[in-house]
C-alpha atoms as a PDB file:
ATOM      1  CA  MET A   1      41.914  -8.472  37.741  1.00  0.00           C
ATOM      2  CA  GLY A   2      40.581  -8.947  40.823  1.00  0.00           C
ATOM      3  CA  ILE A   3      37.334  -9.523  42.407  1.00  0.00           C
ATOM      4  CA  GLY A   4      35.301  -6.476  41.693  1.00  0.00           C
ATOM      5  CA  ASP A   5      37.658  -4.979  39.188  1.00  0.00           C
ATOM      6  CA  PRO A   6      35.540  -2.553  36.792  1.00  0.00           C
ATOM      7  CA  ARG A   7      37.118  -4.668  34.036  1.00  0.00           C
ATOM      8  CA  ASP A   8      35.323  -7.845  35.247  1.00  0.00           C
ATOM      9  CA  GLY A   9      32.351  -8.184  32.584  1.00  0.00           C
ATOM     10  CA  ASP A  10      30.736 -10.593  35.028  1.00  0.00           C
ATOM     11  CA  ASN A  11      31.024  -7.598  37.918  1.00  0.00           C
ATOM     12  CA  LEU A  12      29.260  -4.708  36.053  1.00  0.00           C
ATOM     13  CA  PRO A  13      27.123  -2.746  38.253  1.00  0.00           C
ATOM     14  CA  ALA A  14      23.594  -3.296  37.766  1.00  0.00           C
ATOM     15  CA  THR A  15      22.697  -0.091  36.689  1.00  0.00           C
ATOM     16  CA  VAL A  16      24.781   0.030  33.440  1.00  0.00           C
ATOM     17  CA  PRO A  17      21.772  -0.890  30.470  1.00  0.00           C
ATOM     18  CA  GLN A  18      23.223  -3.521  28.125  1.00  0.00           C
ATOM     19  CA  PRO A  19      22.074  -3.382  25.209  1.00  0.00           C
ATOM     20  CA  VAL A  20      19.048  -5.965  23.396  1.00  0.00           C
ATOM     21  CA  LEU A  21      21.585  -6.929  20.585  1.00  0.00           C
ATOM     22  CA  PRO A  22      19.563  -9.111  19.032  1.00  0.00           C
ATOM     23  CA  ASP A  23      16.488  -6.615  18.630  1.00  0.00           C
ATOM     24  CA  ILE A  24      18.590  -3.871  17.975  1.00  0.00           C
ATOM     25  CA  LEU A  25      19.933  -6.004  14.477  1.00  0.00           C
ATOM     26  CA  HIS A  26      16.093  -6.964  14.277  1.00  0.00           C
ATOM     27  CA  ALA A  27      15.087  -3.856  13.587  1.00  0.00           C
ATOM     28  CA  GLU A  28      18.133  -3.139  11.343  1.00  0.00           C
ATOM     29  CA  ALA A  29      18.054  -5.965   9.264  1.00  0.00           C
ATOM     30  CA  ALA A  30      14.618  -4.709   8.220  1.00  0.00           C
ATOM     31  CA  ARG A  31      15.201  -1.545   7.785  1.00  0.00           C
ATOM     32  CA  ALA A  32      18.110  -3.158   5.381  1.00  0.00           C
ATOM     33  CA  ALA A  33      15.682  -5.113   3.573  1.00  0.00           C
ATOM     34  CA  ASP A  34      13.377  -2.330   2.901  1.00  0.00           C
ATOM     35  CA  TYR A  35      16.133   0.131   1.235  1.00  0.00           C
ATOM     36  CA  ALA A  36      16.974  -3.143  -0.570  1.00  0.00           C
ATOM     37  CA  ARG A  37      13.201  -4.131  -2.263  1.00  0.00           C
ATOM     38  CA  ALA A  38      13.151   0.319  -2.705  1.00  0.00           C
ATOM     39  CA  SER A  39      15.935  -0.986  -5.129  1.00  0.00           C
ATOM     40  CA  ARG A  40      13.625  -1.983  -7.446  1.00  0.00           C
ATOM     41  CA  SER A  41      10.048  -0.312  -8.777  1.00  0.00           C
ATOM     42  CA  ALA A  42       6.719  -1.399  -7.465  1.00  0.00           C
ATOM     43  CA  ALA A  43       6.224  -2.888 -10.977  1.00  0.00           C
ATOM     44  CA  THR A  44       9.801  -4.903 -11.232  1.00  0.00           C
ATOM     45  CA  ARG A  45       9.312  -6.072  -7.739  1.00  0.00           C
ATOM     46  CA  ARG A  46       5.663  -7.701  -9.113  1.00  0.00           C
ATOM     47  CA  ALA A  47       6.923  -9.110 -12.274  1.00  0.00           C
ATOM     48  CA  TYR A  48       9.856 -10.570  -9.985  1.00  0.00           C
ATOM     49  CA  ALA A  49       7.143 -12.076  -7.697  1.00  0.00           C
ATOM     50  CA  SER A  50       5.236 -13.952 -10.568  1.00  0.00           C
ATOM     51  CA  ASP A  51       8.615 -15.033 -12.201  1.00  0.00           C
ATOM     52  CA  TRP A  52       9.419 -16.526  -8.453  1.00  0.00           C
ATOM     53  CA  LYS A  53       6.271 -18.219  -7.976  1.00  0.00           C
ATOM     54  CA  ILE A  54       6.496 -19.931 -11.535  1.00  0.00           C
ATOM     55  CA  PHE A  55      10.049 -20.836 -11.003  1.00  0.00           C
ATOM     56  CA  THR A  56       8.970 -22.263  -7.839  1.00  0.00           C
ATOM     57  CA  ALA A  57       6.368 -24.479  -9.286  1.00  0.00           C
ATOM     58  CA  TRP A  58       8.253 -25.372 -11.821  1.00  0.00           C
ATOM     59  CA  CYS A  59      11.009 -26.702  -9.730  1.00  0.00           C
ATOM     60  CA  GLU A  60       7.966 -28.456  -7.006  1.00  0.00           C
ATOM     61  CA  ALA A  61       6.450 -30.694  -9.715  1.00  0.00           C
ATOM     62  CA  ARG A  62       9.731 -31.872 -10.494  1.00  0.00           C
ATOM     63  CA  GLY A  63      11.239 -32.554  -7.176  1.00  0.00           C
ATOM     64  CA  LEU A  64      14.021 -29.948  -7.226  1.00  0.00           C
ATOM     65  CA  GLU A  65      15.479 -27.214  -4.582  1.00  0.00           C
ATOM     66  CA  SER A  66      14.219 -23.723  -5.978  1.00  0.00           C
ATOM     67  CA  LEU A  67      16.320 -22.429  -3.189  1.00  0.00           C
ATOM     68  CA  PRO A  68      19.262 -22.603  -3.426  1.00  0.00           C
ATOM     69  CA  ALA A  69      18.710 -23.613  -6.727  1.00  0.00           C
ATOM     70  CA  THR A  70      21.650 -25.004  -8.982  1.00  0.00           C
ATOM     71  CA  PRO A  71      23.028 -23.375 -11.858  1.00  0.00           C
ATOM     72  CA  PRO A  72      21.819 -26.658 -14.185  1.00  0.00           C
ATOM     73  CA  VAL A  73      18.469 -26.749 -12.798  1.00  0.00           C
ATOM     74  CA  VAL A  74      17.771 -23.023 -13.543  1.00  0.00           C
ATOM     75  CA  ALA A  75      19.360 -23.571 -17.325  1.00  0.00           C
ATOM     76  CA  THR A  76      16.813 -26.311 -17.965  1.00  0.00           C
ATOM     77  CA  PHE A  77      14.046 -24.340 -16.519  1.00  0.00           C
ATOM     78  CA  LEU A  78      15.031 -21.925 -18.580  1.00  0.00           C
ATOM     79  CA  ALA A  79      14.849 -24.361 -21.919  1.00  0.00           C
ATOM     80  CA  SER A  80      11.686 -25.363 -20.789  1.00  0.00           C
ATOM     81  CA  GLU A  81      10.294 -21.847 -20.668  1.00  0.00           C
ATOM     82  CA  ALA A  82      11.102 -21.310 -24.089  1.00  0.00           C
ATOM     83  CA  ASP A  83       9.754 -24.634 -25.349  1.00  0.00           C
ATOM     84  CA  THR A  84       6.474 -23.667 -23.831  1.00  0.00           C
ATOM     85  CA  GLY A  85       6.356 -20.049 -25.951  1.00  0.00           C
ATOM     86  CA  THR A  86       7.761 -17.430 -23.193  1.00  0.00           C
ATOM     87  CA  LYS A  87       9.467 -14.993 -24.764  1.00  0.00           C
ATOM     88  CA  ALA A  88      13.019 -14.468 -24.757  1.00  0.00           C
ATOM     89  CA  ASN A  89      12.578 -11.345 -22.979  1.00  0.00           C
ATOM     90  CA  THR A  90      10.428 -12.265 -20.543  1.00  0.00           C
ATOM     91  CA  ILE A  91      13.446 -15.404 -19.743  1.00  0.00           C
ATOM     92  CA  GLY A  92      15.612 -12.875 -19.617  1.00  0.00           C
ATOM     93  CA  ARG A  93      13.572 -11.413 -16.800  1.00  0.00           C
ATOM     94  CA  ARG A  94      12.889 -14.701 -15.328  1.00  0.00           C
ATOM     95  CA  LEU A  95      16.251 -15.529 -14.987  1.00  0.00           C
ATOM     96  CA  ALA A  96      16.862 -11.588 -13.096  1.00  0.00           C
ATOM     97  CA  ALA A  97      13.711 -12.221 -10.507  1.00  0.00           C
ATOM     98  CA  ILE A  98      15.911 -16.173  -9.450  1.00  0.00           C
ATOM     99  CA  GLY A  99      18.625 -14.292  -8.777  1.00  0.00           C
ATOM    100  CA  TYR A 100      16.697 -11.241  -7.070  1.00  0.00           C
ATOM    101  CA  HIS A 101      15.397 -13.848  -4.847  1.00  0.00           C
ATOM    102  CA  HIS A 102      18.513 -15.757  -3.709  1.00  0.00           C
ATOM    103  CA  ARG A 103      20.556 -12.451  -3.064  1.00  0.00           C
ATOM    104  CA  GLN A 104      17.262 -11.691  -0.775  1.00  0.00           C
ATOM    105  CA  ALA A 105      17.555 -15.003   1.232  1.00  0.00           C
ATOM    106  CA  GLY A 106      21.546 -14.733   1.233  1.00  0.00           C
ATOM    107  CA  PHE A 107      22.777 -17.204  -1.554  1.00  0.00           C
ATOM    108  CA  ASP A 108      24.812 -16.686  -4.318  1.00  0.00           C
ATOM    109  CA  PRO A 109      22.660 -16.536  -7.829  1.00  0.00           C
ATOM    110  CA  PRO A 110      22.891 -19.456  -9.787  1.00  0.00           C
ATOM    111  CA  GLN A 111      24.096 -17.356 -12.506  1.00  0.00           C
ATOM    112  CA  GLU A 112      27.190 -16.610 -10.634  1.00  0.00           C
ATOM    113  CA  GLN A 113      27.815 -19.790  -9.105  1.00  0.00           C
ATOM    114  CA  PRO A 114      30.574 -22.172 -10.180  1.00  0.00           C
ATOM    115  CA  GLY A 115      29.047 -23.694 -13.384  1.00  0.00           C
ATOM    116  CA  SER A 116      26.859 -20.819 -14.538  1.00  0.00           C
ATOM    117  CA  GLY A 117      28.620 -21.222 -17.874  1.00  0.00           C
ATOM    118  CA  VAL A 118      25.526 -23.771 -18.596  1.00  0.00           C
ATOM    119  CA  ILE A 119      23.220 -20.989 -17.682  1.00  0.00           C
ATOM    120  CA  ARG A 120      24.743 -18.631 -20.573  1.00  0.00           C
ATOM    121  CA  GLU A 121      24.802 -20.870 -22.964  1.00  0.00           C
ATOM    122  CA  VAL A 122      21.178 -21.841 -22.810  1.00  0.00           C
ATOM    123  CA  LEU A 123      20.299 -18.225 -22.797  1.00  0.00           C
ATOM    124  CA  ALA A 124      22.260 -17.118 -25.138  1.00  0.00           C
ATOM    125  CA  GLY A 125      20.734 -19.886 -27.481  1.00  0.00           C
ATOM    126  CA  ILE A 126      17.087 -19.227 -26.700  1.00  0.00           C
ATOM    127  CA  ARG A 127      17.550 -15.328 -27.853  1.00  0.00           C
ATOM    128  CA  SER A 128      19.425 -16.791 -30.811  1.00  0.00           C
ATOM    129  CA  SER A 129      16.577 -19.302 -31.917  1.00  0.00           C
ATOM    130  CA  MET A 130      14.174 -16.517 -30.814  1.00  0.00           C
ATOM    131  CA  GLY A 131      14.601 -13.281 -31.260  1.00  0.00           C
ATOM    132  CA  THR A 132      14.353 -10.624 -28.283  1.00  0.00           C
ATOM    133  CA  ARG A 133      12.292  -8.205 -30.452  1.00  0.00           C
ATOM    134  CA  LYS A 134       9.797  -6.449 -28.293  1.00  0.00           C
ATOM    135  CA  THR A 135       5.777  -6.453 -29.545  1.00  0.00           C
ATOM    136  CA  ARG A 136       5.732  -3.047 -29.713  1.00  0.00           C
ATOM    137  CA  LYS A 137       2.357  -2.050 -28.066  1.00  0.00           C
ATOM    138  CA  LYS A 138       0.314   1.023 -30.583  1.00  0.00           C
ATOM    139  CA  PRO A 139       1.499   4.974 -29.164  1.00  0.00           C
ATOM    140  CA  ALA A 140      -1.113   6.668 -28.588  1.00  0.00           C
ATOM    141  CA  ASP A 141       0.190  10.074 -30.727  1.00  0.00           C
ATOM    142  CA  ALA A 142      -1.215  13.047 -30.784  1.00  0.00           C
ATOM    143  CA  ASP A 143      -4.735  11.714 -32.964  1.00  0.00           C
ATOM    144  CA  ALA A 144      -5.226   8.947 -31.167  1.00  0.00           C
ATOM    145  CA  LEU A 145      -5.230  10.384 -27.924  1.00  0.00           C
ATOM    146  CA  ARG A 146      -7.037  13.700 -29.145  1.00  0.00           C
ATOM    147  CA  ASP A 147      -9.992  10.269 -30.231  1.00  0.00           C
ATOM    148  CA  MET A 148      -9.736   8.712 -26.493  1.00  0.00           C
ATOM    149  CA  LEU A 149      -9.912  12.217 -24.982  1.00  0.00           C
ATOM    150  CA  GLN A 150     -13.049  12.896 -26.656  1.00  0.00           C
ATOM    151  CA  THR A 151     -14.702   9.432 -25.525  1.00  0.00           C
ATOM    152  CA  ILE A 152     -14.692  11.375 -21.786  1.00  0.00           C
ATOM    153  CA  LYS A 153     -17.695  12.494 -21.328  1.00  0.00           C
ATOM    154  CA  GLY A 154     -19.401  15.192 -18.688  1.00  0.00           C
ATOM    155  CA  ASP A 155     -17.427  17.075 -15.917  1.00  0.00           C
ATOM    156  CA  ASP A 156     -18.053  15.104 -12.637  1.00  0.00           C
ATOM    157  CA  LEU A 157     -14.350  14.290 -11.023  1.00  0.00           C
ATOM    158  CA  ARG A 158     -13.664  11.399 -12.647  1.00  0.00           C
ATOM    159  CA  ALA A 159     -13.989  12.839 -16.316  1.00  0.00           C
ATOM    160  CA  LEU A 160     -11.973  15.450 -15.647  1.00  0.00           C
ATOM    161  CA  ARG A 161      -9.342  13.347 -13.547  1.00  0.00           C
ATOM    162  CA  ASP A 162      -9.194  10.889 -16.731  1.00  0.00           C
ATOM    163  CA  ARG A 163      -8.966  13.926 -19.144  1.00  0.00           C
ATOM    164  CA  ALA A 164      -5.733  15.410 -17.468  1.00  0.00           C
ATOM    165  CA  LEU A 165      -4.020  11.881 -16.063  1.00  0.00           C
ATOM    166  CA  LEU A 166      -4.316  11.292 -19.993  1.00  0.00           C
ATOM    167  CA  ALA A 167      -2.790  14.286 -20.910  1.00  0.00           C
ATOM    168  CA  ILE A 168      -0.478  14.689 -18.701  1.00  0.00           C
ATOM    169  CA  GLY A 169       0.735  11.340 -19.294  1.00  0.00           C
ATOM    170  CA  MET A 170       1.295  12.035 -22.821  1.00  0.00           C
ATOM    171  CA  ALA A 171       2.717  15.341 -23.010  1.00  0.00           C
ATOM    172  CA  ALA A 172       5.308  14.810 -20.378  1.00  0.00           C
ATOM    173  CA  ALA A 173       6.113  11.198 -22.292  1.00  0.00           C
ATOM    174  CA  LEU A 174       5.429   9.385 -18.085  1.00  0.00           C
ATOM    175  CA  ARG A 175       5.635   5.678 -17.091  1.00  0.00           C
ATOM    176  CA  ARG A 176       2.708   4.709 -16.058  1.00  0.00           C
ATOM    177  CA  SER A 177       4.298   4.745 -12.814  1.00  0.00           C
ATOM    178  CA  GLU A 178       5.751   8.109 -12.821  1.00  0.00           C
ATOM    179  CA  LEU A 179       2.661   9.765 -13.404  1.00  0.00           C
ATOM    180  CA  VAL A 180       0.391   7.751 -10.693  1.00  0.00           C
ATOM    181  CA  ALA A 181       3.569   8.910  -8.391  1.00  0.00           C
ATOM    182  CA  LEU A 182       3.090  12.798  -9.025  1.00  0.00           C
ATOM    183  CA  ASP A 183       2.076  15.273  -5.835  1.00  0.00           C
ATOM    184  CA  VAL A 184       0.550  18.192  -5.644  1.00  0.00           C
ATOM    185  CA  SER A 185       3.932  20.057  -4.852  1.00  0.00           C
ATOM    186  CA  ASP A 186       5.810  18.581  -8.030  1.00  0.00           C
ATOM    187  CA  VAL A 187       3.350  20.715 -10.095  1.00  0.00           C
ATOM    188  CA  GLU A 188       4.871  24.681 -10.785  1.00  0.00           C
ATOM    189  CA  LEU A 189       2.610  26.906 -13.111  1.00  0.00           C
ATOM    190  CA  PRO A 190       4.567  29.647 -15.441  1.00  0.00           C
ATOM    191  CA  PRO A 191       3.132  31.331 -17.626  1.00  0.00           C
ATOM    192  CA  GLU A 192       4.617  29.292 -20.549  1.00  0.00           C
ATOM    193  CA  GLY A 193       2.561  26.044 -18.944  1.00  0.00           C
ATOM    194  CA  LEU A 194       3.396  23.492 -16.871  1.00  0.00           C
ATOM    195  CA  ARG A 195       6.599  22.150 -14.874  1.00  0.00           C
ATOM    196  CA  LEU A 196       6.733  18.710 -13.305  1.00  0.00           C
ATOM    197  CA  LEU A 197       9.304  17.501 -11.110  1.00  0.00           C
ATOM    198  CA  ILE A 198       9.827  13.830 -11.455  1.00  0.00           C
ATOM    199  CA  GLY A 199      11.327  12.649  -7.988  1.00  0.00           C
ATOM    200  CA  ARG A 200      12.029   8.871  -9.227  1.00  0.00           C
ATOM    201  CA  SER A 201      12.011   7.324 -12.338  1.00  0.00           C
ATOM    202  CA  LYS A 202      13.749   4.474 -14.046  1.00  0.00           C
ATOM    203  CA  THR A 203      16.246   5.909 -15.081  1.00  0.00           C
ATOM    204  CA  ASP A 204      16.485   7.861 -11.913  1.00  0.00           C
ATOM    205  CA  GLN A 205      17.081   5.413  -9.454  1.00  0.00           C
ATOM    206  CA  ALA A 206      19.087   7.520  -6.928  1.00  0.00           C
ATOM    207  CA  GLY A 207      15.876   9.854  -6.918  1.00  0.00           C
ATOM    208  CA  GLU A 208      17.822  13.179  -8.231  1.00  0.00           C
ATOM    209  CA  GLY A 209      14.426  14.111  -9.854  1.00  0.00           C
ATOM    210  CA  THR A 210      14.345  16.169 -13.051  1.00  0.00           C
ATOM    211  CA  VAL A 211      12.611  19.108 -14.042  1.00  0.00           C
ATOM    212  CA  ILE A 212      10.048  18.702 -17.140  1.00  0.00           C
ATOM    213  CA  ALA A 213       8.670  21.516 -18.609  1.00  0.00           C
ATOM    214  CA  ILE A 214       5.140  20.932 -20.747  1.00  0.00           C
ATOM    215  CA  PRO A 215       3.764  23.697 -22.939  1.00  0.00           C
ATOM    216  CA  GLU A 216       0.109  25.603 -22.760  1.00  0.00           C
ATOM    217  CA  GLY A 217      -0.497  23.561 -25.877  1.00  0.00           C
ATOM    218  CA  ARG A 218      -3.309  24.383 -28.243  1.00  0.00           C
ATOM    219  CA  ARG A 219      -4.611  20.978 -29.307  1.00  0.00           C
ATOM    220  CA  ILE A 220      -4.110  18.887 -26.211  1.00  0.00           C
ATOM    221  CA  ARG A 221      -4.240  21.732 -23.820  1.00  0.00           C
ATOM    222  CA  PRO A 222      -2.529  19.439 -21.158  1.00  0.00           C
ATOM    223  CA  LYS A 223      -2.262  22.456 -18.685  1.00  0.00           C
ATOM    224  CA  ALA A 224      -6.189  23.619 -18.941  1.00  0.00           C
ATOM    225  CA  LEU A 225      -7.156  19.873 -18.191  1.00  0.00           C
ATOM    226  CA  LEU A 226      -5.002  19.610 -14.937  1.00  0.00           C
ATOM    227  CA  LEU A 227      -5.591  22.998 -13.761  1.00  0.00           C
ATOM    228  CA  GLU A 228      -9.556  21.829 -14.481  1.00  0.00           C
ATOM    229  CA  TRP A 229      -8.981  18.638 -12.432  1.00  0.00           C
ATOM    230  CA  MET A 230      -7.135  20.170  -9.801  1.00  0.00           C
ATOM    231  CA  ALA A 231     -10.031  23.188  -9.222  1.00  0.00           C
ATOM    232  CA  SER A 232     -12.692  20.618  -8.780  1.00  0.00           C
ATOM    233  CA  ALA A 233     -10.594  17.980  -6.213  1.00  0.00           C
ATOM    234  CA  GLY A 234      -9.797  20.883  -4.433  1.00  0.00           C
ATOM    235  CA  HIS A 235      -6.825  19.333  -3.314  1.00  0.00           C
ATOM    236  CA  LYS A 236      -3.562  21.559  -2.396  1.00  0.00           C
ATOM    237  CA  GLU A 237      -0.942  18.322  -1.275  1.00  0.00           C
ATOM    238  CA  GLY A 238      -0.381  14.611  -1.555  1.00  0.00           C
ATOM    239  CA  PRO A 239      -1.292  12.751  -4.869  1.00  0.00           C
ATOM    240  CA  LEU A 240      -1.745  14.872  -7.779  1.00  0.00           C
ATOM    241  CA  PHE A 241      -4.302  11.909  -9.437  1.00  0.00           C
ATOM    242  CA  ARG A 242      -6.167  10.288  -6.670  1.00  0.00           C
ATOM    243  CA  ARG A 243      -7.920   7.253  -6.699  1.00  0.00           C
ATOM    244  CA  LEU A 244     -11.840   7.752  -6.026  1.00  0.00           C
ATOM    245  CA  THR A 245     -14.285   5.443  -5.044  1.00  0.00           C
ATOM    246  CA  ARG A 246     -17.225   3.915  -6.786  1.00  0.00           C
ATOM    247  CA  ALA A 247     -19.759   6.790  -6.481  1.00  0.00           C
ATOM    248  CA  GLY A 248     -16.883   8.948  -7.373  1.00  0.00           C
ATOM    249  CA  GLU A 249     -15.639  10.436  -3.927  1.00  0.00           C
ATOM    250  CA  LEU A 250     -12.348  11.441  -3.967  1.00  0.00           C
ATOM    251  CA  THR A 251      -9.799   9.706  -1.738  1.00  0.00           C
ATOM    252  CA  SER A 252      -6.326  10.855  -0.426  1.00  0.00           C
ATOM    253  CA  ASP A 253      -4.853   7.473  -1.930  1.00  0.00           C
ATOM    254  CA  PRO A 254      -2.819   8.082  -5.468  1.00  0.00           C
ATOM    255  CA  MET A 255      -3.992   5.948  -8.502  1.00  0.00           C
ATOM    256  CA  SER A 256      -2.349   2.621  -9.332  1.00  0.00           C
ATOM    257  CA  ASP A 257      -0.417   1.959 -12.211  1.00  0.00           C
ATOM    258  CA  ARG A 258      -2.624  -0.375 -13.588  1.00  0.00           C
ATOM    259  CA  ALA A 259      -5.775   1.817 -13.269  1.00  0.00           C
ATOM    260  CA  VAL A 260      -3.912   3.903 -15.764  1.00  0.00           C
ATOM    261  CA  ALA A 261      -3.424   0.947 -17.923  1.00  0.00           C
ATOM    262  CA  ARG A 262      -7.047   0.118 -17.768  1.00  0.00           C
ATOM    263  CA  LEU A 263      -7.526   3.704 -18.878  1.00  0.00           C
ATOM    264  CA  VAL A 264      -6.052   4.083 -21.603  1.00  0.00           C
ATOM    265  CA  GLN A 265      -7.186   0.716 -23.001  1.00  0.00           C
ATOM    266  CA  ARG A 266     -10.794   1.773 -22.275  1.00  0.00           C
ATOM    267  CA  CYS A 267     -11.048   4.923 -24.211  1.00  0.00           C
ATOM    268  CA  ALA A 268      -8.659   3.489 -26.969  1.00  0.00           C
ATOM    269  CA  ALA A 269     -11.939   1.016 -27.025  1.00  0.00           C
ATOM    270  CA  ASP A 270     -14.738   3.535 -26.763  1.00  0.00           C
ATOM    271  CA  ALA A 271     -12.926   5.184 -29.859  1.00  0.00           C
ATOM    272  CA  GLY A 272     -13.069   2.566 -32.100  1.00  0.00           C
ATOM    273  CA  LEU A 273      -9.345   1.602 -31.682  1.00  0.00           C
ATOM    274  CA  ASP A 274      -8.238  -2.088 -30.688  1.00  0.00           C
ATOM    275  CA  PRO A 275      -7.418  -2.052 -26.822  1.00  0.00           C
ATOM    276  CA  SER A 276      -5.098  -5.043 -26.959  1.00  0.00           C
ATOM    277  CA  GLU A 277      -2.887  -2.761 -28.747  1.00  0.00           C
ATOM    278  CA  PHE A 278      -2.773   0.154 -26.579  1.00  0.00           C
ATOM    279  CA  ALA A 279      -1.137  -0.152 -23.025  1.00  0.00           C
ATOM    280  CA  GLY A 280      -0.228   2.374 -19.978  1.00  0.00           C
ATOM    281  CA  HIS A 281       3.788   3.158 -21.964  1.00  0.00           C
ATOM    282  CA  SER A 282       1.203   4.043 -25.223  1.00  0.00           C
ATOM    283  CA  LEU A 283       1.056   7.922 -23.749  1.00  0.00           C
ATOM    284  CA  ARG A 284       5.053   7.836 -23.521  1.00  0.00           C
ATOM    285  CA  SER A 285       5.373   6.478 -26.993  1.00  0.00           C
ATOM    286  CA  GLY A 286       2.322   8.352 -28.054  1.00  0.00           C
ATOM    287  CA  PHE A 287       4.294  11.907 -26.917  1.00  0.00           C
ATOM    288  CA  LEU A 288       7.745   9.919 -28.729  1.00  0.00           C
ATOM    289  CA  THR A 289       6.300   9.119 -32.112  1.00  0.00           C
ATOM    290  CA  GLU A 290       4.391  12.453 -32.532  1.00  0.00           C
ATOM    291  CA  ALA A 291       7.743  14.329 -31.890  1.00  0.00           C
ATOM    292  CA  ALA A 292       9.622  12.615 -34.583  1.00  0.00           C
ATOM    293  CA  ARG A 293       6.757  12.841 -36.838  1.00  0.00           C
ATOM    294  CA  GLN A 294       7.099  16.612 -36.017  1.00  0.00           C
ATOM    295  CA  GLY A 295      10.749  16.819 -36.403  1.00  0.00           C
ATOM    296  CA  ALA A 296      11.968  17.354 -33.330  1.00  0.00           C
ATOM    297  CA  SER A 297      15.651  16.364 -32.317  1.00  0.00           C
ATOM    298  CA  ILE A 298      16.404  13.734 -30.080  1.00  0.00           C
ATOM    299  CA  PHE A 299      18.523  15.483 -27.994  1.00  0.00           C
ATOM    300  CA  LYS A 300      14.584  17.802 -27.483  1.00  0.00           C
ATOM    301  CA  MET A 301      12.939  14.597 -27.543  1.00  0.00           C
ATOM    302  CA  ARG A 302      15.464  13.376 -24.701  1.00  0.00           C
ATOM    303  CA  ASP A 303      15.011  16.569 -22.368  1.00  0.00           C
ATOM    304  CA  VAL A 304      11.404  15.219 -22.390  1.00  0.00           C
ATOM    305  CA  SER A 305      11.462  11.262 -22.188  1.00  0.00           C
ATOM    306  CA  ARG A 306      14.894  11.497 -19.834  1.00  0.00           C
ATOM    307  CA  HIS A 307      16.782   8.506 -21.580  1.00  0.00           C
ATOM    308  CA  LYS A 308      20.240   7.714 -21.000  1.00  0.00           C
ATOM    309  CA  SER A 309      20.521   6.315 -24.858  1.00  0.00           C
ATOM    310  CA  VAL A 310      20.124   8.173 -27.716  1.00  0.00           C
ATOM    311  CA  GLN A 311      19.145   4.564 -29.275  1.00  0.00           C
ATOM    312  CA  VAL A 312      15.871   4.006 -28.782  1.00  0.00           C
ATOM    313  CA  LEU A 313      15.609   7.306 -29.542  1.00  0.00           C
ATOM    314  CA  SER A 314      16.964   7.345 -32.590  1.00  0.00           C
ATOM    315  CA  ASP A 315      14.498   4.451 -33.250  1.00  0.00           C
ATOM    316  CA  TYR A 316      11.679   6.704 -32.939  1.00  0.00           C
ATOM    317  CA  VAL A 317      13.116   9.337 -35.735  1.00  0.00           C
ATOM    318  CA  ARG A 318      14.091   6.460 -37.790  1.00  0.00           C
ATOM    319  CA  ASP A 319       9.955   5.034 -38.174  1.00  0.00           C
ATOM    320  CA  ALA A 320       9.172   8.703 -38.837  1.00  0.00           C
ATOM    321  CA  GLU A 321      11.372   9.070 -41.153  1.00  0.00           C
ATOM    322  CA  LEU A 322      11.341   5.612 -43.576  1.00  0.00           C
ATOM    323  CA  PHE A 323       9.919   6.992 -46.632  1.00  0.00           C
ATOM    324  CA  ARG A 324      10.398  11.012 -46.169  1.00  0.00           C
ATOM    325  CA  ASP A 325      13.213  11.407 -48.925  1.00  0.00           C
ATOM    326  CA  HIS A 326      13.631   7.282 -49.681  1.00  0.00           C
ATOM    327  CA  ALA A 327      16.199   6.323 -51.845  1.00  0.00           C
ATOM    328  CA  GLY A 328      14.050   5.244 -54.117  1.00  0.00           C
ATOM    329  CA  GLU A 329      11.273   8.140 -53.856  1.00  0.00           C
ATOM    330  CA  ARG A 330      12.738   9.190 -58.048  1.00  0.00           C
ATOM    331  CA  PHE A 331      13.178   5.587 -59.607  1.00  0.00           C
ATOM    332  CA  LEU A 332      10.595   3.237 -57.962  1.00  0.00           C
END
């Protein structure tokens, strides 16, 4: 090429714009990180952050490298957690959090590195020794929810919102994250009751969405309670269940999932129940417990709960039928 040849990169005309690749890549990397974070729910990210903080503090106290960490270090950490009484399921989540933070930093997770067999062996030993049975919170079934609703007095915005939230959470078997993510546009009002569009959930990370039907109801009356809240709040768009100021004024912000858990526990206490035995999940499990008790089929229950596996639902049915037509009924 001769001087001035257009193929000569050193002699490109000054008018040809040159992309600033570092800035472009920086923006694209930031968007990639946003998408990566979106692959986990907010609750999961909070749990992982807490788990990672515990792991890094443990490593720092012993002068060990936390990022990247080696399989022997992680295996020792898991064993230490077991010795302090941490539950097996929580230890498994700690390991998942360690792997997640390694991937975010561009490192191979310790459980995928050469020599990771020691992690699997330690984890298997912990589960074998401690078991993995979860401590279930009590369900807010029909009777419990009725008593909880009766503790909410008055017709101000907070009372109307709280009654509607408890009723919808139980009637639709919603996780607390799904409950606070509802938008006004997700609600349809057919004559038979309600239809709710669940845009994203734990079992629907792709965000395809699912429509749940809620009947009008005669005891809990979820539709009536929701309409009372919506009419008083007067909001036509945005978050369905909104945060209120301490003075009871409506804001544009959605409630937090932690606020749902606190509401359930407060109403349980006011109803004379042990609040430590209830949590946000009590609304979801309350629907499934009551549905199984009333003889609903697993498949009808799954229409509402959206479980991918029927195993969890079969456990609810089994619990409800433990004493029904018992094999020893006629001779014990």
